[in-house]
Every structure is written in C-alpha cells, then in structure tokens.
Amino acid sequence: MTGSIRPLWLGSLLLTAACGSSTRTSTGRSEREADSVIANSAVPGASVVGKAMTVADSTSNQAHLADSIGSAP
C-alpha cells in the first residue's frame, strides 16, 4: 500500500472494529468472530486486524471504567 492510503485504511479499520456490533455476516458469525478469524489467518495484513481489535477493546474498557467512576457508592 502507498504511504497516503495506509493511514486511511488503518483508520477505517479501527473505526469498524471499535463499533463492536452483533450484526451477523453471511456465514452466521458476528462481525467480531469474523474479524477474529481474519486476524488469526495467514492473509497479508491480518495482524493489523488483531491489533485494531486490541485497541478497540482497550478503548472500550477505558470508556467503561470512566463511566463507572461516578457510580461507585
């Protein structure tokens, strides 16, 4: 990939992974399950999918922690 397209591709991949929906693909898997299969495959660039999922999980956990700070008794 060229240098100018790669950041756009990675950004859109991160946004897609961060959405974390339960939408089913045509295979009957959730998007997260399908992404996990891709991340563990030998497809070129598959490791980026795994990294995007890790970043999305981390961001989600941080948001959950921030939301729960004010609700502690």
PDB file of N, CA and C in Angstrom:
ATOM      1  N   MET A   1       0.840  -1.187   0.000  1.00  0.00           N
ATOM      2  CA  MET A   1       0.000   0.000   0.000  1.00  0.00           C
ATOM      3  C   MET A   1       0.877   1.240   0.000  1.00  0.00           C
ATOM      4  N   THR A   2       0.381   2.274  -0.626  1.00  0.00           N
ATOM      5  CA  THR A   2       1.146   3.503  -0.634  1.00  0.00           C
ATOM      6  C   THR A   2       1.028   4.204   0.700  1.00  0.00           C
ATOM      7  N   GLY A   3       1.951   5.113   0.958  1.00  0.00           N
ATOM      8  CA  GLY A   3       2.001   5.797   2.243  1.00  0.00           C
ATOM      9  C   GLY A   3       0.774   6.618   2.572  1.00  0.00           C
ATOM     10  N   SER A   4       0.122   7.197   1.570  1.00  0.00           N
ATOM     11  CA  SER A   4      -1.037   8.054   1.855  1.00  0.00           C
ATOM     12  C   SER A   4      -2.327   7.260   2.042  1.00  0.00           C
ATOM     13  N   ILE A   5      -2.389   6.080   1.488  1.00  0.00           N
ATOM     14  CA  ILE A   5      -3.605   5.276   1.620  1.00  0.00           C
ATOM     15  C   ILE A   5      -3.602   4.487   2.923  1.00  0.00           C
ATOM     16  N   ARG A   6      -2.455   4.088   3.385  1.00  0.00           N
ATOM     17  CA  ARG A   6      -2.368   3.235   4.573  1.00  0.00           C
ATOM     18  C   ARG A   6      -3.035   3.861   5.810  1.00  0.00           C
ATOM     19  N   PRO A   7      -2.777   5.149   6.143  1.00  0.00           N
ATOM     20  CA  PRO A   7      -3.454   5.715   7.320  1.00  0.00           C
ATOM     21  C   PRO A   7      -4.978   5.721   7.184  1.00  0.00           C
ATOM     22  N   LEU A   8      -5.483   5.967   5.986  1.00  0.00           N
ATOM     23  CA  LEU A   8      -6.930   5.952   5.781  1.00  0.00           C
ATOM     24  C   LEU A   8      -7.484   4.551   5.971  1.00  0.00           C
ATOM     25  N   TRP A   9      -6.796   3.565   5.439  1.00  0.00           N
ATOM     26  CA  TRP A   9      -7.220   2.177   5.572  1.00  0.00           C
ATOM     27  C   TRP A   9      -7.202   1.752   7.026  1.00  0.00           C
ATOM     28  N   LEU A  10      -6.112   2.079   7.729  1.00  0.00           N
ATOM     29  CA  LEU A  10      -5.993   1.710   9.143  1.00  0.00           C
ATOM     30  C   LEU A  10      -7.051   2.427   9.978  1.00  0.00           C
ATOM     31  N   GLY A  11      -7.280   3.693   9.684  1.00  0.00           N
ATOM     32  CA  GLY A  11      -8.295   4.448  10.418  1.00  0.00           C
ATOM     33  C   GLY A  11      -9.684   3.874  10.237  1.00  0.00           C
ATOM     34  N   SER A  12     -10.017   3.517   9.013  1.00  0.00           N
ATOM     35  CA  SER A  12     -11.342   2.939   8.786  1.00  0.00           C
ATOM     36  C   SER A  12     -11.454   1.561   9.422  1.00  0.00           C
ATOM     37  N   LEU A  13     -10.362   0.818   9.442  1.00  0.00           N
ATOM     38  CA  LEU A  13     -10.361  -0.485  10.094  1.00  0.00           C
ATOM     39  C   LEU A  13     -10.575  -0.329  11.597  1.00  0.00           C
ATOM     40  N   LEU A  14      -9.903   0.637  12.201  1.00  0.00           N
ATOM     41  CA  LEU A  14     -10.065   0.877  13.637  1.00  0.00           C
ATOM     42  C   LEU A  14     -11.489   1.297  13.964  1.00  0.00           C
ATOM     43  N   LEU A  15     -12.062   2.152  13.155  1.00  0.00           N
ATOM     44  CA  LEU A  15     -13.439   2.583  13.402  1.00  0.00           C
ATOM     45  C   LEU A  15     -14.412   1.419  13.267  1.00  0.00           C
ATOM     46  N   THR A  16     -14.175   0.587  12.291  1.00  0.00           N
ATOM     47  CA  THR A  16     -15.042  -0.572  12.103  1.00  0.00           C
ATOM     48  C   THR A  16     -14.940  -1.522  13.286  1.00  0.00           C
ATOM     49  N   ALA A  17     -13.724  -1.775  13.734  1.00  0.00           N
ATOM     50  CA  ALA A  17     -13.523  -2.687  14.857  1.00  0.00           C
ATOM     51  C   ALA A  17     -14.083  -2.103  16.147  1.00  0.00           C
ATOM     52  N   ALA A  18     -14.011  -0.799  16.294  1.00  0.00           N
ATOM     53  CA  ALA A  18     -14.476  -0.156  17.516  1.00  0.00           C
ATOM     54  C   ALA A  18     -15.995  -0.183  17.648  1.00  0.00           C
ATOM     55  N   CYS A  19     -16.684  -0.359  16.567  1.00  0.00           N
ATOM     56  CA  CYS A  19     -18.146  -0.351  16.621  1.00  0.00           C
ATOM     57  C   CYS A  19     -18.701  -1.553  17.367  1.00  0.00           C
ATOM     58  N   GLY A  20     -18.050  -2.677  17.288  1.00  0.00           N
ATOM     59  CA  GLY A  20     -18.420  -3.860  18.056  1.00  0.00           C
ATOM     60  C   GLY A  20     -19.893  -4.216  18.016  1.00  0.00           C
ATOM     61  N   SER A  21     -20.426  -4.426  16.867  1.00  0.00           N
ATOM     62  CA  SER A  21     -21.844  -4.753  16.784  1.00  0.00           C
ATOM     63  C   SER A  21     -22.056  -6.261  16.808  1.00  0.00           C
ATOM     64  N   SER A  22     -23.297  -6.653  16.975  1.00  0.00           N
ATOM     65  CA  SER A  22     -23.634  -8.067  16.969  1.00  0.00           C
ATOM     66  C   SER A  22     -24.196  -8.484  15.615  1.00  0.00           C
ATOM     67  N   THR A  23     -24.013  -7.645  14.610  1.00  0.00           N
ATOM     68  CA  THR A  23     -24.502  -7.944  13.267  1.00  0.00           C
ATOM     69  C   THR A  23     -23.885  -9.240  12.768  1.00  0.00           C
ATOM     70  N   ARG A  24     -24.690 -10.051  12.153  1.00  0.00           N
ATOM     71  CA  ARG A  24     -24.228 -11.338  11.636  1.00  0.00           C
ATOM     72  C   ARG A  24     -23.782 -11.180  10.184  1.00  0.00           C
ATOM     73  N   THR A  25     -22.713 -11.858   9.839  1.00  0.00           N
ATOM     74  CA  THR A  25     -22.261 -11.876   8.460  1.00  0.00           C
ATOM     75  C   THR A  25     -23.012 -12.973   7.722  1.00  0.00           C
ATOM     76  N   SER A  26     -22.740 -13.120   6.435  1.00  0.00           N
ATOM     77  CA  SER A  26     -23.431 -14.144   5.647  1.00  0.00           C
ATOM     78  C   SER A  26     -23.070 -15.555   6.106  1.00  0.00           C
ATOM     79  N   THR A  27     -21.988 -15.695   6.863  1.00  0.00           N
ATOM     80  CA  THR A  27     -21.594 -17.009   7.369  1.00  0.00           C
ATOM     81  C   THR A  27     -22.283 -17.347   8.684  1.00  0.00           C
ATOM     82  N   GLY A  28     -23.039 -16.399   9.244  1.00  0.00           N
ATOM     83  CA  GLY A  28     -23.713 -16.636  10.512  1.00  0.00           C
ATOM     84  C   GLY A  28     -22.869 -16.225  11.708  1.00  0.00           C
ATOM     85  N   ARG A  29     -21.655 -15.773  11.449  1.00  0.00           N
ATOM     86  CA  ARG A  29     -20.787 -15.314  12.536  1.00  0.00           C
ATOM     87  C   ARG A  29     -21.034 -13.838  12.806  1.00  0.00           C
ATOM     88  N   SER A  30     -20.736 -13.423  14.047  1.00  0.00           N
ATOM     89  CA  SER A  30     -20.794 -11.993  14.342  1.00  0.00           C
ATOM     90  C   SER A  30     -19.603 -11.333  13.657  1.00  0.00           C
ATOM     91  N   GLU A  31     -19.659 -10.024  13.517  1.00  0.00           N
ATOM     92  CA  GLU A  31     -18.536  -9.313  12.903  1.00  0.00           C
ATOM     93  C   GLU A  31     -17.253  -9.545  13.696  1.00  0.00           C
ATOM     94  N   ARG A  32     -17.373  -9.585  15.013  1.00  0.00           N
ATOM     95  CA  ARG A  32     -16.189  -9.800  15.847  1.00  0.00           C
ATOM     96  C   ARG A  32     -15.596 -11.190  15.601  1.00  0.00           C
ATOM     97  N   GLU A  33     -16.456 -12.191  15.472  1.00  0.00           N
ATOM     98  CA  GLU A  33     -15.969 -13.542  15.187  1.00  0.00           C
ATOM     99  C   GLU A  33     -15.276 -13.594  13.827  1.00  0.00           C
ATOM    100  N   ALA A  34     -15.870 -12.948  12.837  1.00  0.00           N
ATOM    101  CA  ALA A  34     -15.266 -12.920  11.506  1.00  0.00           C
ATOM    102  C   ALA A  34     -13.926 -12.196  11.536  1.00  0.00           C
ATOM    103  N   ASP A  35     -13.861 -11.070  12.252  1.00  0.00           N
ATOM    104  CA  ASP A  35     -12.601 -10.337  12.377  1.00  0.00           C
ATOM    105  C   ASP A  35     -11.541 -11.171  13.082  1.00  0.00           C
ATOM    106  N   SER A  36     -11.957 -11.937  14.065  1.00  0.00           N
ATOM    107  CA  SER A  36     -11.022 -12.790  14.790  1.00  0.00           C
ATOM    108  C   SER A  36     -10.450 -13.873  13.878  1.00  0.00           C
ATOM    109  N   VAL A  37     -11.289 -14.435  13.033  1.00  0.00           N
ATOM    110  CA  VAL A  37     -10.819 -15.442  12.079  1.00  0.00           C
ATOM    111  C   VAL A  37      -9.797 -14.819  11.133  1.00  0.00           C
ATOM    112  N   ILE A  38     -10.093 -13.629  10.655  1.00  0.00           N
ATOM    113  CA  ILE A  38      -9.164 -12.937   9.755  1.00  0.00           C
ATOM    114  C   ILE A  38      -7.857 -12.636  10.479  1.00  0.00           C
ATOM    115  N   ALA A  39      -7.944 -12.146  11.710  1.00  0.00           N
ATOM    116  CA  ALA A  39      -6.744 -11.780  12.474  1.00  0.00           C
ATOM    117  C   ALA A  39      -5.829 -12.970  12.697  1.00  0.00           C
ATOM    118  N   ASN A  40      -6.383 -14.164  12.789  1.00  0.00           N
ATOM    119  CA  ASN A  40      -5.589 -15.364  13.033  1.00  0.00           C
ATOM    120  C   ASN A  40      -5.209 -16.097  11.748  1.00  0.00           C
ATOM    121  N   SER A  41      -5.503 -15.509  10.602  1.00  0.00           N
ATOM    122  CA  SER A  41      -5.198 -16.165   9.333  1.00  0.00           C
ATOM    123  C   SER A  41      -3.825 -15.732   8.818  1.00  0.00           C
ATOM    124  N   ALA A  42      -3.432 -16.327   7.710  1.00  0.00           N
ATOM    125  CA  ALA A  42      -2.141 -16.010   7.098  1.00  0.00           C
ATOM    126  C   ALA A  42      -2.277 -14.955   6.004  1.00  0.00           C
ATOM    127  N   VAL A  43      -3.419 -14.297   5.932  1.00  0.00           N
ATOM    128  CA  VAL A  43      -3.649 -13.259   4.936  1.00  0.00           C
ATOM    129  C   VAL A  43      -2.704 -12.088   5.212  1.00  0.00           C
ATOM    130  N   PRO A  44      -2.077 -11.526   4.178  1.00  0.00           N
ATOM    131  CA  PRO A  44      -1.205 -10.372   4.406  1.00  0.00           C
ATOM    132  C   PRO A  44      -1.979  -9.225   5.067  1.00  0.00           C
ATOM    133  N   GLY A  45      -1.434  -8.692   6.126  1.00  0.00           N
ATOM    134  CA  GLY A  45      -2.074  -7.599   6.851  1.00  0.00           C
ATOM    135  C   GLY A  45      -3.035  -8.060   7.929  1.00  0.00           C
ATOM    136  N   ALA A  46      -3.184  -9.354   8.114  1.00  0.00           N
ATOM    137  CA  ALA A  46      -4.129  -9.882   9.099  1.00  0.00           C
ATOM    138  C   ALA A  46      -3.767  -9.445  10.513  1.00  0.00           C
ATOM    139  N   SER A  47      -2.484  -9.281  10.782  1.00  0.00           N
ATOM    140  CA  SER A  47      -2.081  -8.870  12.130  1.00  0.00           C
ATOM    141  C   SER A  47      -2.616  -7.486  12.473  1.00  0.00           C
ATOM    142  N   VAL A  48      -2.839  -6.645  11.460  1.00  0.00           N
ATOM    143  CA  VAL A  48      -3.385  -5.309  11.697  1.00  0.00           C
ATOM    144  C   VAL A  48      -4.811  -5.410  12.232  1.00  0.00           C
ATOM    145  N   VAL A  49      -5.561  -6.388  11.752  1.00  0.00           N
ATOM    146  CA  VAL A  49      -6.929  -6.592  12.238  1.00  0.00           C
ATOM    147  C   VAL A  49      -6.894  -6.950  13.721  1.00  0.00           C
ATOM    148  N   GLY A  50      -5.973  -7.836  14.095  1.00  0.00           N
ATOM    149  CA  GLY A  50      -5.831  -8.209  15.504  1.00  0.00           C
ATOM    150  C   GLY A  50      -5.439  -7.022  16.365  1.00  0.00           C
ATOM    151  N   LYS A  51      -4.530  -6.196  15.864  1.00  0.00           N
ATOM    152  CA  LYS A  51      -4.118  -5.004  16.616  1.00  0.00           C
ATOM    153  C   LYS A  51      -5.276  -4.028  16.752  1.00  0.00           C
ATOM    154  N   ALA A  52      -6.061  -3.881  15.691  1.00  0.00           N
ATOM    155  CA  ALA A  52      -7.218  -2.982  15.752  1.00  0.00           C
ATOM    156  C   ALA A  52      -8.234  -3.482  16.770  1.00  0.00           C
ATOM    157  N   MET A  53      -8.427  -4.792  16.836  1.00  0.00           N
ATOM    158  CA  MET A  53      -9.350  -5.352  17.818  1.00  0.00           C
ATOM    159  C   MET A  53      -8.838  -5.105  19.238  1.00  0.00           C
ATOM    160  N   THR A  54      -7.534  -5.237  19.445  1.00  0.00           N
ATOM    161  CA  THR A  54      -6.941  -4.980  20.756  1.00  0.00           C
ATOM    162  C   THR A  54      -7.126  -3.524  21.161  1.00  0.00           C
ATOM    163  N   VAL A  55      -6.889  -2.612  20.220  1.00  0.00           N
ATOM    164  CA  VAL A  55      -7.068  -1.180  20.501  1.00  0.00           C
ATOM    165  C   VAL A  55      -8.526  -0.878  20.806  1.00  0.00           C
ATOM    166  N   ALA A  56      -9.436  -1.466  20.047  1.00  0.00           N
ATOM    167  CA  ALA A  56     -10.868  -1.241  20.277  1.00  0.00           C
ATOM    168  C   ALA A  56     -11.290  -1.757  21.644  1.00  0.00           C
ATOM    169  N   ASP A  57     -10.783  -2.928  22.022  1.00  0.00           N
ATOM    170  CA  ASP A  57     -11.105  -3.484  23.339  1.00  0.00           C
ATOM    171  C   ASP A  57     -10.572  -2.596  24.451  1.00  0.00           C
ATOM    172  N   SER A  58      -9.345  -2.117  24.292  1.00  0.00           N
ATOM    173  CA  SER A  58      -8.733  -1.257  25.294  1.00  0.00           C
ATOM    174  C   SER A  58      -9.514   0.051  25.453  1.00  0.00           C
ATOM    175  N   THR A  59      -9.884   0.630  24.320  1.00  0.00           N
ATOM    176  CA  THR A  59     -10.652   1.879  24.346  1.00  0.00           C
ATOM    177  C   THR A  59     -12.008   1.663  24.999  1.00  0.00           C
ATOM    178  N   SER A  60     -12.642   0.558  24.678  1.00  0.00           N
ATOM    179  CA  SER A  60     -13.938   0.235  25.268  1.00  0.00           C
ATOM    180  C   SER A  60     -13.817   0.052  26.781  1.00  0.00           C
ATOM    181  N   ASN A  61     -12.775  -0.647  27.210  1.00  0.00           N
ATOM    182  CA  ASN A  61     -12.560  -0.847  28.648  1.00  0.00           C
ATOM    183  C   ASN A  61     -12.295   0.467  29.366  1.00  0.00           C
ATOM    184  N   GLN A  62     -11.512   1.343  28.748  1.00  0.00           N
ATOM    185  CA  GLN A  62     -11.232   2.646  29.356  1.00  0.00           C
ATOM    186  C   GLN A  62     -12.507   3.473  29.474  1.00  0.00           C
ATOM    187  N   ALA A  63     -13.344   3.432  28.453  1.00  0.00           N
ATOM    188  CA  ALA A  63     -14.606   4.174  28.496  1.00  0.00           C
ATOM    189  C   ALA A  63     -15.521   3.613  29.580  1.00  0.00           C
ATOM    190  N   HIS A  64     -15.544   2.300  29.709  1.00  0.00           N
ATOM    191  CA  HIS A  64     -16.371   1.670  30.741  1.00  0.00           C
ATOM    192  C   HIS A  64     -15.876   2.076  32.132  1.00  0.00           C
ATOM    193  N   LEU A  65     -14.563   2.080  32.333  1.00  0.00           N
ATOM    194  CA  LEU A  65     -14.006   2.496  33.625  1.00  0.00           C
ATOM    195  C   LEU A  65     -14.327   3.958  33.932  1.00  0.00           C
ATOM    196  N   ALA A  66     -14.203   4.799  32.923  1.00  0.00           N
ATOM    197  CA  ALA A  66     -14.507   6.223  33.112  1.00  0.00           C
ATOM    198  C   ALA A  66     -15.982   6.417  33.452  1.00  0.00           C
ATOM    199  N   ASP A  67     -16.859   5.650  32.822  1.00  0.00           N
ATOM    200  CA  ASP A  67     -18.291   5.757  33.088  1.00  0.00           C
ATOM    201  C   ASP A  67     -18.634   5.272  34.492  1.00  0.00           C
ATOM    202  N   SER A  68     -17.881   4.291  34.998  1.00  0.00           N
ATOM    203  CA  SER A  68     -18.220   3.719  36.303  1.00  0.00           C
ATOM    204  C   SER A  68     -17.600   4.471  37.473  1.00  0.00           C
ATOM    205  N   ILE A  69     -16.732   5.428  37.223  1.00  0.00           N
ATOM    206  CA  ILE A  69     -16.096   6.175  38.314  1.00  0.00           C
ATOM    207  C   ILE A  69     -17.123   6.920  39.154  1.00  0.00           C
ATOM    208  N   GLY A  70     -18.047   7.595  38.504  1.00  0.00           N
ATOM    209  CA  GLY A  70     -19.036   8.381  39.219  1.00  0.00           C
ATOM    210  C   GLY A  70     -20.126   7.555  39.876  1.00  0.00           C
ATOM    211  N   SER A  71     -20.264   6.301  39.510  1.00  0.00           N
ATOM    212  CA  SER A  71     -21.351   5.491  40.058  1.00  0.00           C
ATOM    213  C   SER A  71     -20.931   4.632  41.238  1.00  0.00           C
ATOM    214  N   ALA A  72     -19.688   4.778  41.708  1.00  0.00           N
ATOM    215  CA  ALA A  72     -19.228   3.993  42.867  1.00  0.00           C
ATOM    216  C   ALA A  72     -19.902   4.518  44.135  1.00  0.00           C
ATOM    217  N   PRO A  73     -20.375   3.607  45.013  1.00  0.00           N
ATOM    218  CA  PRO A  73     -21.080   4.052  46.243  1.00  0.00           C
ATOM    219  C   PRO A  73     -20.176   4.702  47.247  1.00  0.00           C
TER     220      PRO A  73
END
